[in-house]
Protein backbone atom coordinates (compact mmCIF):
# COMPACT_ATOMS: atom_id res chain seq x y z
CA UNK A 1 72.19 -12.05 -12.82
CA UNK A 2 73.77 -12.73 -16.16
CA UNK A 3 72.53 -14.60 -19.16
CA UNK A 4 74.46 -17.30 -20.97
CA UNK A 5 76.13 -16.76 -24.31
CA UNK A 6 74.04 -16.66 -27.42
CA UNK A 7 73.38 -20.25 -28.50
CA UNK A 8 72.53 -21.80 -31.82
CA UNK A 9 68.86 -20.81 -31.54
CA UNK A 10 69.80 -17.13 -31.44
CA UNK A 11 72.22 -17.30 -34.33
CA UNK A 12 69.57 -18.82 -36.58
CA UNK A 13 67.17 -15.90 -36.29
CA UNK A 14 66.77 -13.35 -39.03
CA UNK A 15 67.13 -9.60 -38.84
CA UNK A 16 63.63 -9.04 -40.16
CA UNK A 17 61.86 -10.62 -37.17
CA UNK A 18 62.16 -10.22 -33.38
CA UNK A 19 64.39 -12.72 -31.56
CA UNK A 20 61.67 -13.94 -29.19
CA UNK A 21 58.79 -14.78 -31.51
CA UNK A 22 56.83 -17.65 -30.10
CA UNK A 23 57.66 -16.65 -26.51
CA UNK A 24 55.10 -16.03 -23.78
CA UNK A 25 53.35 -12.75 -23.11
CA UNK A 26 51.02 -11.09 -20.64
CA UNK A 27 47.30 -11.14 -21.34
CA UNK A 28 44.48 -9.88 -19.15
CA UNK A 29 41.56 -11.12 -21.21
CA UNK A 30 42.50 -14.11 -23.37
CA UNK A 31 40.84 -17.42 -22.64
CA UNK A 32 43.69 -19.58 -23.90
CA UNK A 33 45.42 -21.96 -21.50
CA UNK A 34 48.88 -20.80 -20.45
CA UNK A 35 51.84 -23.05 -19.81
CA UNK A 36 51.57 -24.42 -16.27
CA UNK A 37 54.74 -22.76 -14.99
CA UNK A 38 53.40 -19.34 -16.06
CA UNK A 39 49.71 -19.80 -15.22
CA UNK A 40 49.78 -18.03 -11.86
CA UNK A 41 51.41 -15.01 -13.47
CA UNK A 42 48.71 -14.56 -16.12
CA UNK A 43 51.17 -15.28 -18.91
CA UNK A 44 50.29 -17.20 -22.06
CA UNK A 45 52.06 -18.12 -25.24
CA UNK A 46 51.98 -15.95 -28.30
CA UNK A 47 50.05 -17.12 -31.33
CA UNK A 48 52.03 -19.81 -33.16
CA UNK A 49 52.65 -20.65 -36.82
CA UNK A 50 52.03 -17.38 -38.66
CA UNK A 51 54.44 -15.36 -36.56
CA UNK A 52 57.32 -15.53 -39.05
CA UNK A 53 59.58 -18.32 -37.82
CA UNK A 54 62.75 -16.90 -39.28
CA UNK A 55 66.22 -18.37 -39.63
CA UNK A 56 69.68 -17.28 -40.71
CA UNK A 57 71.60 -18.87 -43.52
CA UNK A 58 74.51 -21.23 -42.67
CA UNK A 59 77.18 -18.61 -43.36
CA UNK A 60 76.10 -16.52 -40.37
CA UNK A 61 78.07 -16.61 -37.13
CA UNK A 62 77.85 -14.66 -33.91
CA UNK A 63 80.24 -13.61 -31.20
CA UNK A 64 78.69 -12.51 -27.93
CA UNK A 65 80.02 -10.38 -25.12
CA UNK A 66 78.06 -10.43 -21.86
CA UNK A 67 77.99 -7.64 -19.32
CA UNK A 68 76.20 -8.08 -16.00
CA UNK A 69 75.54 -5.76 -13.08
CA UNK A 70 73.42 -6.90 -10.15
CA UNK A 71 69.99 -7.83 -11.54
CA UNK A 72 70.66 -6.16 -14.85
CA UNK A 73 72.14 -7.84 -17.88
CA UNK A 74 73.35 -6.13 -21.01
CA UNK A 75 74.34 -8.29 -23.96
CA UNK A 76 76.33 -6.90 -26.84
CA UNK A 77 76.82 -9.03 -29.92
CA UNK A 78 78.74 -8.64 -33.11
CA UNK A 79 77.23 -10.69 -35.89
CA UNK A 80 79.44 -11.30 -38.88
CA UNK A 81 77.84 -12.21 -42.18
CA UNK A 82 79.78 -13.73 -45.03
CA UNK A 83 78.02 -14.65 -48.26
CA UNK A 84 79.99 -16.86 -50.66
CA UNK A 85 77.17 -17.72 -53.06
CA UNK A 86 77.88 -17.30 -56.77
CA UNK A 87 81.47 -16.30 -56.07
CA UNK A 88 80.37 -13.13 -54.25
CA UNK A 89 81.76 -12.52 -50.78
CA UNK A 90 80.04 -9.86 -48.69
CA UNK A 91 81.01 -9.15 -45.11
CA UNK A 92 79.13 -7.03 -42.64
CA UNK A 93 79.05 -6.55 -38.91
CA UNK A 94 75.80 -6.08 -37.04
CA UNK A 95 75.54 -4.92 -33.44
CA UNK A 96 72.89 -6.29 -31.09
CA UNK A 97 72.15 -4.94 -27.62
CA UNK A 98 69.81 -6.50 -25.05
CA UNK A 99 68.91 -4.59 -21.90
CA UNK A 100 67.37 -6.39 -18.92
CA UNK A 101 66.59 -6.00 -15.24
CA UNK A 102 66.89 -2.75 -13.31
CA UNK A 103 68.45 -1.00 -16.31
CA UNK A 104 65.01 -1.10 -17.96
CA UNK A 105 63.63 1.25 -15.36
CA UNK A 106 66.37 3.80 -16.02
CA UNK A 107 68.16 3.12 -19.33
CA UNK A 108 71.77 4.38 -19.30
CA UNK A 109 72.26 7.62 -21.23
CA UNK A 110 75.30 6.33 -23.10
CA UNK A 111 73.07 3.68 -24.68
CA UNK A 112 71.71 6.35 -27.02
CA UNK A 113 75.20 7.27 -28.16
CA UNK A 114 75.71 3.82 -29.70
CA UNK A 115 74.71 4.95 -33.17
CA UNK A 116 75.96 1.75 -34.84
CA UNK A 117 73.29 -0.35 -33.11
CA UNK A 118 71.13 -2.35 -35.51
CA UNK A 119 69.12 -4.38 -33.01
CA UNK A 120 67.99 -3.20 -29.58
CA UNK A 121 65.90 -5.23 -27.14
CA UNK A 122 64.46 -3.64 -24.01
CA UNK A 123 62.03 -6.34 -22.96
CA UNK A 124 62.00 -8.44 -19.73
CA UNK A 125 61.19 -11.70 -21.55
CA UNK A 126 62.13 -13.89 -18.62
CA UNK A 127 59.99 -14.69 -15.57
CA UNK A 128 62.67 -13.50 -13.14
CA UNK A 129 62.84 -10.08 -14.83
CA UNK A 130 59.14 -9.24 -15.08
CA UNK A 131 59.26 -6.93 -12.05
CA UNK A 132 61.59 -4.62 -13.98
CA UNK A 133 59.80 -2.93 -16.88
CA UNK A 134 60.22 0.09 -19.09
CA UNK A 135 57.64 2.79 -18.36
CA UNK A 136 58.59 5.19 -21.15
CA UNK A 137 60.76 5.22 -24.26
CA UNK A 138 63.39 7.97 -23.99
CA UNK A 139 63.17 10.58 -26.74
CA UNK A 140 66.88 10.02 -27.35
CA UNK A 141 65.88 6.85 -29.18
CA UNK A 142 65.95 9.00 -32.34
CA UNK A 143 69.76 9.04 -32.15
CA UNK A 144 69.93 5.33 -33.01
CA UNK A 145 69.36 6.00 -36.69
CA UNK A 146 70.84 2.66 -37.82
CA UNK A 147 68.35 0.53 -35.89
CA UNK A 148 66.67 -2.16 -37.95
CA UNK A 149 65.01 -4.03 -35.07
CA UNK A 150 63.52 -2.63 -31.86
CA UNK A 151 61.97 -4.94 -29.26
CA UNK A 152 59.88 -3.29 -26.52
CA UNK A 153 57.50 -6.13 -25.59
CA UNK A 154 56.03 -6.78 -22.14
CA UNK A 155 56.61 -3.40 -20.54
CA UNK A 156 54.37 -0.71 -19.04
CA UNK A 157 54.38 1.67 -22.01
CA UNK A 158 51.35 3.95 -22.32
CA UNK A 159 52.69 6.05 -25.19
CA UNK A 160 55.45 6.08 -27.77
CA UNK A 161 57.36 9.31 -28.40
CA UNK A 162 57.03 10.87 -31.83
CA UNK A 163 60.84 10.76 -32.06
CA UNK A 164 60.60 7.09 -32.94
CA UNK A 165 59.46 8.18 -36.41
CA UNK A 166 63.05 9.35 -37.09
CA UNK A 167 64.24 5.72 -37.23
CA UNK A 168 63.99 5.51 -41.00
CA UNK A 169 65.98 2.24 -41.20
CA UNK A 170 63.69 0.39 -38.78
CA UNK A 171 62.27 -2.84 -40.23
CA UNK A 172 60.83 -4.64 -37.18
CA UNK A 173 59.09 -3.07 -34.19
CA UNK A 174 57.55 -5.16 -31.42
CA UNK A 175 55.33 -3.42 -28.87
CA UNK A 176 53.07 -6.27 -27.74
CA UNK A 177 51.96 -6.60 -24.12
CA UNK A 178 51.96 -2.94 -23.17
CA UNK A 179 49.24 -0.37 -22.38
CA UNK A 180 49.16 1.52 -25.67
CA UNK A 181 45.92 3.06 -26.93
CA UNK A 182 47.36 5.15 -29.77
CA UNK A 183 50.43 5.67 -31.92
CA UNK A 184 52.32 8.96 -32.42
CA UNK A 185 51.29 11.20 -35.30
CA UNK A 186 54.53 10.81 -37.23
CA UNK A 187 54.45 7.01 -37.09
CA UNK A 188 53.76 6.68 -40.84
CA UNK A 189 57.22 8.12 -41.53
CA UNK A 190 58.69 4.68 -40.75
CA UNK A 191 59.02 3.94 -44.45
CA UNK A 192 61.19 0.83 -43.99
CA UNK A 193 58.98 -0.85 -41.38
CA UNK A 194 57.94 -4.33 -42.53
CA UNK A 195 56.89 -6.08 -39.31
CA UNK A 196 54.77 -4.46 -36.57
CA UNK A 197 53.64 -6.29 -33.41
CA UNK A 198 50.97 -4.58 -31.28
CA UNK A 199 49.16 -7.54 -29.71
CA UNK A 200 47.65 -7.29 -26.24
CA UNK A 201 47.47 -3.54 -25.83
CA UNK A 202 44.51 -1.19 -25.26
CA UNK A 203 43.58 -0.10 -28.76
CA UNK A 204 39.84 0.56 -29.00
CA UNK A 205 40.19 2.31 -32.36
CA UNK A 206 42.31 1.17 -35.26
CA UNK A 207 45.48 3.32 -35.30
CA UNK A 208 45.14 5.06 -38.68
CA UNK A 209 48.85 5.88 -38.78
CA UNK A 210 49.42 2.25 -39.79
CA UNK A 211 47.72 2.89 -43.14
CA UNK A 212 50.67 5.06 -44.19
CA UNK A 213 53.36 2.41 -43.62
CA UNK A 214 54.38 1.83 -47.23
CA UNK A 215 56.53 -1.29 -46.64
CA UNK A 216 54.43 -3.13 -44.06
CA UNK A 217 54.02 -6.86 -44.72
CA UNK A 218 53.27 -8.23 -41.22
CA UNK A 219 50.79 -6.71 -38.72
CA UNK A 220 49.65 -8.21 -35.42
CA UNK A 221 46.86 -6.32 -33.61
CA UNK A 222 45.45 -9.37 -31.82
CA UNK A 223 44.01 -9.17 -28.33
CA UNK A 224 42.85 -5.55 -28.37
CA UNK A 225 39.35 -4.00 -28.47
CA UNK A 226 39.23 -2.71 -32.06
CA UNK A 227 35.69 -2.32 -33.41
CA UNK A 228 36.24 -1.50 -37.09
CA UNK A 229 38.85 -1.21 -39.82
CA UNK A 230 39.08 2.08 -41.78
CA UNK A 231 38.44 2.20 -45.53
CA UNK A 232 41.98 3.53 -46.00
CA UNK A 233 43.44 0.25 -44.77
CA UNK A 234 43.63 -0.94 -48.38
CA UNK A 235 46.51 1.49 -48.87
CA UNK A 236 48.58 -1.50 -47.74
CA UNK A 237 47.23 -3.67 -50.55
CA UNK A 238 50.55 -4.06 -52.37
CA UNK A 239 52.63 -5.12 -49.34
CA UNK A 240 50.56 -6.65 -46.52
CA UNK A 241 50.82 -10.46 -46.39
CA UNK A 242 50.01 -11.33 -42.76
CA UNK A 243 47.23 -9.70 -40.73
CA UNK A 244 46.34 -10.94 -37.25
CA UNK A 245 43.17 -9.46 -35.70
CA UNK A 246 42.36 -12.39 -33.45
CA UNK A 247 40.44 -11.49 -30.23
CA UNK A 248 39.01 -8.03 -30.90
CA UNK A 249 35.53 -6.48 -31.10
CA UNK A 250 35.28 -6.19 -34.89
CA UNK A 251 31.70 -5.82 -36.08
CA UNK A 252 32.35 -5.11 -39.77
CA UNK A 253 35.03 -5.04 -42.41
CA UNK A 254 35.02 -2.33 -45.10
CA UNK A 255 34.26 -3.26 -48.72
CA UNK A 256 37.79 -2.11 -49.56
CA UNK A 257 39.12 -5.00 -47.47
CA UNK A 258 39.00 -7.22 -50.56
CA UNK A 259 41.72 -5.10 -52.14
CA UNK A 260 44.31 -6.65 -49.81
CA UNK A 261 45.05 -9.27 -52.42
CA UNK A 262 48.59 -10.05 -51.20
CA UNK A 263 47.23 -11.46 -47.93
CA UNK A 264 48.21 -15.08 -47.31
CA UNK A 265 47.50 -15.27 -43.57
CA UNK A 266 44.45 -13.65 -41.94
CA UNK A 267 43.16 -14.25 -38.43
CA UNK A 268 39.69 -12.90 -37.64
CA UNK A 269 38.69 -15.42 -34.97
CA UNK A 270 36.96 -14.36 -31.73
CA UNK A 271 35.36 -11.14 -32.97
CA UNK A 272 31.74 -10.00 -33.45
CA UNK A 273 31.48 -10.24 -37.23
CA UNK A 274 28.01 -11.05 -38.59
CA UNK A 275 28.96 -10.63 -42.25
CA UNK A 276 31.92 -10.34 -44.58
CA UNK A 277 32.17 -7.83 -47.44
CA UNK A 278 31.34 -9.18 -50.91
CA UNK A 279 34.84 -8.24 -52.01
CA UNK A 280 36.25 -10.88 -49.65
CA UNK A 281 36.29 -13.41 -52.49
CA UNK A 282 39.10 -11.43 -54.14
CA UNK A 283 41.56 -12.62 -51.49
CA UNK A 284 42.68 -15.49 -53.66
CA UNK A 285 46.05 -15.98 -51.93
CA UNK A 286 44.52 -16.55 -48.50
CA UNK A 287 45.52 -19.89 -46.97
CA UNK A 288 42.25 -20.71 -45.20
CA UNK A 289 41.45 -23.82 -47.20
CA UNK A 290 45.03 -25.12 -47.28
CA UNK A 291 45.71 -24.45 -43.60
CA UNK A 292 42.39 -24.41 -41.74
CA UNK A 293 42.65 -22.95 -38.24
CA UNK A 294 40.17 -21.89 -35.58
CA UNK A 295 42.05 -18.56 -35.50
CA UNK A 296 40.98 -17.79 -39.07
CA UNK A 297 37.28 -17.02 -38.56
CA UNK A 298 35.79 -19.22 -35.78
CA UNK A 299 33.82 -17.77 -32.86
CA UNK A 300 32.07 -15.06 -34.87
CA UNK A 301 28.23 -14.82 -35.11
CA UNK A 302 28.41 -14.98 -38.91
CA UNK A 303 25.24 -15.04 -40.98
CA UNK A 304 26.43 -13.88 -44.39
CA UNK A 305 28.17 -16.10 -45.26
CA UNK A 306 27.48 -18.65 -42.53
CA UNK A 307 30.48 -19.84 -40.58
CA UNK A 308 30.50 -23.26 -42.25
CA UNK A 309 30.92 -21.59 -45.66
CA UNK A 310 33.83 -19.47 -44.42
CA UNK A 311 35.53 -22.52 -42.98
CA UNK A 312 35.70 -23.99 -46.50
CA UNK A 313 37.89 -21.16 -47.76
CA UNK A 314 37.79 -18.13 -50.01
CA UNK A 315 36.48 -19.97 -53.08
CA UNK A 316 33.39 -21.07 -51.12
CA UNK A 317 32.88 -17.50 -49.89
CA UNK A 318 33.15 -16.21 -53.46
CA UNK A 319 30.64 -18.81 -54.68
CA UNK A 320 28.26 -17.86 -51.90
CA UNK A 321 28.21 -14.20 -52.90
CA UNK A 322 27.88 -15.06 -56.60
CA UNK A 323 24.72 -17.06 -55.89
CA UNK A 324 26.29 -20.52 -56.18
CA UNK A 325 25.84 -21.41 -52.56
CA UNK A 326 27.91 -24.49 -51.69
CA UNK A 327 26.25 -27.56 -50.26
CA UNK A 328 26.69 -27.90 -46.53
CA UNK A 329 28.93 -30.81 -45.64
CA UNK A 330 27.54 -33.11 -42.95
CA UNK A 331 29.79 -34.24 -40.12
CA UNK A 332 29.71 -37.78 -41.50
CA UNK A 333 30.81 -36.58 -44.95
CA UNK A 334 33.51 -34.41 -43.36
CA UNK A 335 34.95 -37.46 -41.61
CA UNK A 336 34.94 -39.38 -44.90
CA UNK A 337 36.87 -36.60 -46.61
CA UNK A 338 39.42 -36.43 -43.79
CA UNK A 339 39.94 -40.19 -43.91
CA UNK A 340 40.44 -40.15 -47.68
CA UNK A 341 43.03 -37.39 -47.32
CA UNK A 342 44.92 -39.48 -44.75
CA UNK A 343 45.04 -42.41 -47.19
């Protein structure tokens, strides 16, 4: 089975985000409704909107070479970039490799000799390939020291080798839909990592190694069983902009959580939170009031502040903790406000 050449959708994606964001993934506990064609397989769509919908600038072009062998498909691409803005012309070539099918079960050894690779995908992605999955990441992955993007979604991974920490150029790592319960001890050495996807795994404890990722701006830990966030999480206060903790077992957030002042997107829906820390009002860049979503905070047994206060945004939460408790909006008044906004 071979895949078709890279189309316009692929060429528009950026190097900072995985090429399949917005695709479907396996979940064994989510209550969301999957697309009908995937329902019997237990597959649902990933969370929309906040998952960095990236695009390439118009001066990007791609040339794709396809290689197929039985049920495996390997796609090698050379992406040429030419920037003519302000009279400056910069050219670069980027190498992309996608591994599919039976090759996932036994990755070829010569793969790890391709040291010019900048993007490597070893993820089934397609319905017809889901029976072929990666069960372990070869330690030879450390040889690919020019990798900037590594996609390992929807496999059967139970652990990640510590050798992955040698990929000091890595910017995006996607590990969603696996069986991971912990990260390797050297994980914090990934000093260039900006985007980390760990949704739908088996984390019961927050992986503390994440707190040492000095460049991290996007973190998805949705659909796990995490109960609390460590105080040290605010070490990411100067970089973290998107944090997705939707569908977990969170019972509390540390007071230091309010130090994450660069946050613009935060999903805490479907947890067990009864209160928020008083420092929460410091998250002035949070988009809850501008872009209300049930993923933000809904389906928590909140008492302090009550859920209806949280749904009105950070300013209402800050007023609540300062003693200026906002007036509860009736459903009738809410409808009036919505109608006036439409006009």
